[in-house]
Amino acid sequence: MKVNWKKSSVVIAVAGALLLTVAAVAFSHGHRHQGPPRDGGFRGGPGPRDGLGPLRDLNLTDDQKAQIKKINDSFEESNKTLFDQLRALHGSEPDPMSGTFDEAAVRAAAEARAKVQVELEVSRAKMMSQVAGVLTAEQKTQLAARRQKFERQGPPPPPPGSVAPQP
């Protein structure tokens, strides 16, 4: 199977933007989810904590901001159980450095986390679909233009010292 890296990078970028939006909402409300960041990055970076993330520069009306906040709050509440499950699974995963390796236990823990992560991704997509319903046609066009610009730029270079994926 041949991987289309250009399309994959767009999907990753959109998923990252969605993740940043959800994370920004969580931090703007003072709710900190324990455990490692879902995107492998760091928690809290610079920038406003308004929960709008990539939507911030779309000249949203106050009514749109309120609707988006309501949508984000609703999904944050409905996903709380999933985040709690993920945190518990991370806390109970086998330690491969313990001296004994139990492949079945590692595999089972990874599969359990993957099931929760699938549910979170579906929930994020549903949330963003609802957010898109709040946007005007012009705002959707602006977002599409940003996605195209990102697609033309391609994925960011790998960090120093990492191994680049082979095509």
C-alpha atoms as a PDB file:
ATOM      1  CA  MET A   1       0.000   0.000   0.000  1.00  0.00           C
ATOM      2  CA  LYS A   2       1.408   3.358  -1.009  1.00  0.00           C
ATOM      3  CA  VAL A   3       1.006   6.173   1.539  1.00  0.00           C
ATOM      4  CA  ASN A   4       0.094   9.628   0.257  1.00  0.00           C
ATOM      5  CA  TRP A   5       2.124  11.755   2.658  1.00  0.00           C
ATOM      6  CA  LYS A   6       0.600  15.002   1.437  1.00  0.00           C
ATOM      7  CA  LYS A   7      -2.943  13.903   2.249  1.00  0.00           C
ATOM      8  CA  SER A   8      -1.797  12.306   5.487  1.00  0.00           C
ATOM      9  CA  SER A   9      -0.157  15.528   6.615  1.00  0.00           C
ATOM     10  CA  VAL A  10      -3.379  17.455   5.956  1.00  0.00           C
ATOM     11  CA  VAL A  11      -5.373  14.945   7.994  1.00  0.00           C
ATOM     12  CA  ILE A  12      -2.824  15.179  10.788  1.00  0.00           C
ATOM     13  CA  ALA A  13      -2.890  18.981  10.656  1.00  0.00           C
ATOM     14  CA  VAL A  14      -6.687  19.105  10.850  1.00  0.00           C
ATOM     15  CA  ALA A  15      -6.719  16.576  13.687  1.00  0.00           C
ATOM     16  CA  GLY A  16      -4.057  18.626  15.463  1.00  0.00           C
ATOM     17  CA  ALA A  17      -6.104  21.797  15.060  1.00  0.00           C
ATOM     18  CA  LEU A  18      -9.140  20.016  16.479  1.00  0.00           C
ATOM     19  CA  LEU A  19      -7.088  18.687  19.345  1.00  0.00           C
ATOM     20  CA  LEU A  20      -5.721  22.152  20.085  1.00  0.00           C
ATOM     21  CA  THR A  21      -9.249  23.542  20.141  1.00  0.00           C
ATOM     22  CA  VAL A  22     -10.405  20.904  22.617  1.00  0.00           C
ATOM     23  CA  ALA A  23      -7.272  21.373  24.734  1.00  0.00           C
ATOM     24  CA  ALA A  24      -7.680  25.149  24.725  1.00  0.00           C
ATOM     25  CA  VAL A  25     -11.247  24.782  25.945  1.00  0.00           C
ATOM     26  CA  ALA A  26     -10.164  22.451  28.724  1.00  0.00           C
ATOM     27  CA  PHE A  27      -7.470  24.832  29.892  1.00  0.00           C
ATOM     28  CA  SER A  28      -9.648  27.916  29.583  1.00  0.00           C
ATOM     29  CA  HIS A  29     -12.073  26.333  32.038  1.00  0.00           C
ATOM     30  CA  GLY A  30      -9.362  25.306  34.464  1.00  0.00           C
ATOM     31  CA  HIS A  31      -9.941  21.588  33.927  1.00  0.00           C
ATOM     32  CA  ARG A  32      -6.656  19.817  33.620  1.00  0.00           C
ATOM     33  CA  HIS A  33      -6.709  16.269  32.359  1.00  0.00           C
ATOM     34  CA  GLN A  34      -3.964  14.247  33.937  1.00  0.00           C
ATOM     35  CA  GLY A  35      -1.660  12.077  31.905  1.00  0.00           C
ATOM     36  CA  PRO A  36       0.455  12.769  28.862  1.00  0.00           C
ATOM     37  CA  PRO A  37      -0.789  15.195  26.224  1.00  0.00           C
ATOM     38  CA  ARG A  38      -2.777  13.433  23.518  1.00  0.00           C
ATOM     39  CA  ASP A  39      -0.815  15.089  20.732  1.00  0.00           C
ATOM     40  CA  GLY A  40       2.652  14.312  22.102  1.00  0.00           C
ATOM     41  CA  GLY A  41       3.291  18.027  22.567  1.00  0.00           C
ATOM     42  CA  PHE A  42       3.392  20.159  25.663  1.00  0.00           C
ATOM     43  CA  ARG A  43       0.521  21.468  27.690  1.00  0.00           C
ATOM     44  CA  GLY A  44      -0.244  25.140  27.977  1.00  0.00           C
ATOM     45  CA  GLY A  45       1.840  26.924  25.301  1.00  0.00           C
ATOM     46  CA  PRO A  46       1.550  30.609  24.561  1.00  0.00           C
ATOM     47  CA  GLY A  47      -1.577  32.310  23.337  1.00  0.00           C
ATOM     48  CA  PRO A  48      -5.019  33.309  24.537  1.00  0.00           C
ATOM     49  CA  ARG A  49      -7.149  30.823  26.442  1.00  0.00           C
ATOM     50  CA  ASP A  50     -10.431  31.635  24.717  1.00  0.00           C
ATOM     51  CA  GLY A  51     -11.120  28.090  23.493  1.00  0.00           C
ATOM     52  CA  LEU A  52     -11.262  29.166  19.850  1.00  0.00           C
ATOM     53  CA  GLY A  53      -7.870  27.936  18.668  1.00  0.00           C
ATOM     54  CA  PRO A  54      -7.720  28.047  14.855  1.00  0.00           C
ATOM     55  CA  LEU A  55     -11.107  29.809  14.717  1.00  0.00           C
ATOM     56  CA  ARG A  56      -9.786  32.855  16.582  1.00  0.00           C
ATOM     57  CA  ASP A  57      -8.940  34.880  13.446  1.00  0.00           C
ATOM     58  CA  LEU A  58     -12.303  34.409  11.728  1.00  0.00           C
ATOM     59  CA  ASN A  59     -13.952  37.559  13.143  1.00  0.00           C
ATOM     60  CA  LEU A  60     -16.539  35.520  15.020  1.00  0.00           C
ATOM     61  CA  THR A  61     -19.537  37.379  16.404  1.00  0.00           C
ATOM     62  CA  ASP A  62     -20.214  37.270  20.131  1.00  0.00           C
ATOM     63  CA  ASP A  63     -23.168  34.986  19.406  1.00  0.00           C
ATOM     64  CA  GLN A  64     -20.925  32.587  17.425  1.00  0.00           C
ATOM     65  CA  LYS A  65     -18.359  32.579  20.230  1.00  0.00           C
ATOM     66  CA  ALA A  66     -21.085  31.768  22.752  1.00  0.00           C
ATOM     67  CA  GLN A  67     -22.454  28.957  20.555  1.00  0.00           C
ATOM     68  CA  ILE A  68     -18.996  27.479  20.041  1.00  0.00           C
ATOM     69  CA  LYS A  69     -18.268  27.690  23.767  1.00  0.00           C
ATOM     70  CA  LYS A  70     -21.543  25.871  24.480  1.00  0.00           C
ATOM     71  CA  ILE A  71     -20.633  23.143  21.971  1.00  0.00           C
ATOM     72  CA  ASN A  72     -17.117  22.806  23.427  1.00  0.00           C
ATOM     73  CA  ASP A  73     -18.439  22.688  27.007  1.00  0.00           C
ATOM     74  CA  SER A  74     -20.961  20.007  26.065  1.00  0.00           C
ATOM     75  CA  PHE A  75     -18.353  17.810  24.416  1.00  0.00           C
ATOM     76  CA  GLU A  76     -15.858  18.352  27.212  1.00  0.00           C
ATOM     77  CA  GLU A  77     -18.443  17.133  29.704  1.00  0.00           C
ATOM     78  CA  SER A  78     -19.507  14.163  27.581  1.00  0.00           C
ATOM     79  CA  ASN A  79     -15.861  13.151  27.002  1.00  0.00           C
ATOM     80  CA  LYS A  80     -14.844  13.376  30.663  1.00  0.00           C
ATOM     81  CA  THR A  81     -15.471   9.649  31.163  1.00  0.00           C
ATOM     82  CA  LEU A  82     -13.330   8.802  28.129  1.00  0.00           C
ATOM     83  CA  PHE A  83     -10.468  10.992  29.375  1.00  0.00           C
ATOM     84  CA  ASP A  84     -10.743   9.350  32.796  1.00  0.00           C
ATOM     85  CA  GLN A  85     -10.607   5.911  31.156  1.00  0.00           C
ATOM     86  CA  LEU A  86      -7.564   6.893  29.114  1.00  0.00           C
ATOM     87  CA  ARG A  87      -5.803   8.249  32.204  1.00  0.00           C
ATOM     88  CA  ALA A  88      -6.534   5.028  34.104  1.00  0.00           C
ATOM     89  CA  LEU A  89      -5.278   2.919  31.201  1.00  0.00           C
ATOM     90  CA  HIS A  90      -2.054   4.929  30.985  1.00  0.00           C
ATOM     91  CA  GLY A  91      -1.546   4.530  34.723  1.00  0.00           C
ATOM     92  CA  SER A  92      -2.024   0.761  34.635  1.00  0.00           C
ATOM     93  CA  GLU A  93      -0.004  -0.080  31.536  1.00  0.00           C
ATOM     94  CA  PRO A  94       2.803  -2.602  32.028  1.00  0.00           C
ATOM     95  CA  ASP A  95       6.314  -1.265  32.541  1.00  0.00           C
ATOM     96  CA  PRO A  96       8.566  -2.671  29.788  1.00  0.00           C
ATOM     97  CA  MET A  97      11.623  -1.723  31.847  1.00  0.00           C
ATOM     98  CA  SER A  98      10.584  -3.948  34.768  1.00  0.00           C
ATOM     99  CA  GLY A  99      12.779  -6.816  33.600  1.00  0.00           C
ATOM    100  CA  THR A 100      10.006  -9.029  32.336  1.00  0.00           C
ATOM    101  CA  PHE A 101       8.189  -8.450  29.094  1.00  0.00           C
ATOM    102  CA  ASP A 102       4.620  -9.625  28.675  1.00  0.00           C
ATOM    103  CA  GLU A 103       3.697  -9.001  25.051  1.00  0.00           C
ATOM    104  CA  ALA A 104       0.076 -10.025  25.578  1.00  0.00           C
ATOM    105  CA  ALA A 105      -0.328  -7.487  28.408  1.00  0.00           C
ATOM    106  CA  VAL A 106       1.327  -4.703  26.403  1.00  0.00           C
ATOM    107  CA  ARG A 107      -0.809  -5.541  23.372  1.00  0.00           C
ATOM    108  CA  ALA A 108      -4.023  -5.633  25.438  1.00  0.00           C
ATOM    109  CA  ALA A 109      -3.200  -2.271  27.080  1.00  0.00           C
ATOM    110  CA  ALA A 110      -2.443  -0.693  23.690  1.00  0.00           C
ATOM    111  CA  GLU A 111      -5.679  -2.026  22.188  1.00  0.00           C
ATOM    112  CA  ALA A 112      -7.713  -0.735  25.144  1.00  0.00           C
ATOM    113  CA  ARG A 113      -6.170   2.739  24.761  1.00  0.00           C
ATOM    114  CA  ALA A 114      -6.754   2.654  21.001  1.00  0.00           C
ATOM    115  CA  LYS A 115     -10.477   1.935  21.484  1.00  0.00           C
ATOM    116  CA  VAL A 116     -10.841   4.955  23.775  1.00  0.00           C
ATOM    117  CA  GLN A 117      -8.830   7.138  21.389  1.00  0.00           C
ATOM    118  CA  VAL A 118     -11.095   6.118  18.492  1.00  0.00           C
ATOM    119  CA  GLU A 119     -14.128   7.233  20.501  1.00  0.00           C
ATOM    120  CA  LEU A 120     -12.419  10.548  21.293  1.00  0.00           C
ATOM    121  CA  GLU A 121     -11.598  11.123  17.605  1.00  0.00           C
ATOM    122  CA  VAL A 122     -15.186  10.406  16.583  1.00  0.00           C
ATOM    123  CA  SER A 123     -16.404  12.778  19.275  1.00  0.00           C
ATOM    124  CA  ARG A 124     -13.981  15.517  18.130  1.00  0.00           C
ATOM    125  CA  ALA A 125     -15.154  15.143  14.530  1.00  0.00           C
ATOM    126  CA  LYS A 126     -18.787  15.363  15.641  1.00  0.00           C
ATOM    127  CA  MET A 127     -17.989  18.464  17.697  1.00  0.00           C
ATOM    128  CA  MET A 128     -16.208  20.161  14.793  1.00  0.00           C
ATOM    129  CA  SER A 129     -19.137  19.335  12.521  1.00  0.00           C
ATOM    130  CA  GLN A 130     -21.403  21.167  14.954  1.00  0.00           C
ATOM    131  CA  VAL A 131     -18.944  24.085  15.159  1.00  0.00           C
ATOM    132  CA  ALA A 132     -18.912  24.261  11.345  1.00  0.00           C
ATOM    133  CA  GLY A 133     -22.681  24.698  11.478  1.00  0.00           C
ATOM    134  CA  VAL A 134     -22.138  27.930  13.430  1.00  0.00           C
ATOM    135  CA  LEU A 135     -19.743  29.421  10.856  1.00  0.00           C
ATOM    136  CA  THR A 136     -20.760  31.549   7.891  1.00  0.00           C
ATOM    137  CA  ALA A 137     -19.914  30.521   4.335  1.00  0.00           C
ATOM    138  CA  GLU A 138     -17.170  33.186   4.290  1.00  0.00           C
ATOM    139  CA  GLN A 139     -15.619  31.865   7.519  1.00  0.00           C
ATOM    140  CA  LYS A 140     -15.666  28.316   6.136  1.00  0.00           C
ATOM    141  CA  THR A 141     -13.941  29.611   2.996  1.00  0.00           C
ATOM    142  CA  GLN A 142     -11.253  31.263   5.140  1.00  0.00           C
ATOM    143  CA  LEU A 143     -10.654  27.979   6.977  1.00  0.00           C
ATOM    144  CA  ALA A 144     -10.464  26.064   3.688  1.00  0.00           C
ATOM    145  CA  ALA A 145      -7.894  28.570   2.386  1.00  0.00           C
ATOM    146  CA  ARG A 146      -5.802  28.032   5.520  1.00  0.00           C
ATOM    147  CA  ARG A 147      -5.957  24.268   5.030  1.00  0.00           C
ATOM    148  CA  GLN A 148      -4.830  24.645   1.412  1.00  0.00           C
ATOM    149  CA  LYS A 149      -1.963  26.883   2.471  1.00  0.00           C
ATOM    150  CA  PHE A 150      -0.889  24.326   5.051  1.00  0.00           C
ATOM    151  CA  GLU A 151      -1.171  21.550   2.473  1.00  0.00           C
ATOM    152  CA  ARG A 152       1.104  23.447   0.050  1.00  0.00           C
ATOM    153  CA  GLN A 153       3.682  23.964   2.798  1.00  0.00           C
ATOM    154  CA  GLY A 154       3.780  20.262   3.514  1.00  0.00           C
ATOM    155  CA  PRO A 155       4.514  18.608   6.830  1.00  0.00           C
ATOM    156  CA  PRO A 156       6.994  20.193   9.202  1.00  0.00           C
ATOM    157  CA  PRO A 157      10.529  18.803   9.134  1.00  0.00           C
ATOM    158  CA  PRO A 158      11.306  16.061  11.628  1.00  0.00           C
ATOM    159  CA  PRO A 159      12.942  17.111  14.886  1.00  0.00           C
ATOM    160  CA  PRO A 160      16.739  16.933  14.995  1.00  0.00           C
ATOM    161  CA  GLY A 161      17.995  13.445  15.666  1.00  0.00           C
ATOM    162  CA  SER A 162      14.799  11.695  14.611  1.00  0.00           C
ATOM    163  CA  VAL A 163      14.587   9.173  11.809  1.00  0.00           C
ATOM    164  CA  ALA A 164      12.586  10.369   8.792  1.00  0.00           C
ATOM    165  CA  PRO A 165       9.885   7.949   7.540  1.00  0.00           C
ATOM    166  CA  GLN A 166      10.735   6.030   4.390  1.00  0.00           C
ATOM    167  CA  PRO A 167       8.348   6.454   1.412  1.00  0.00           C
END
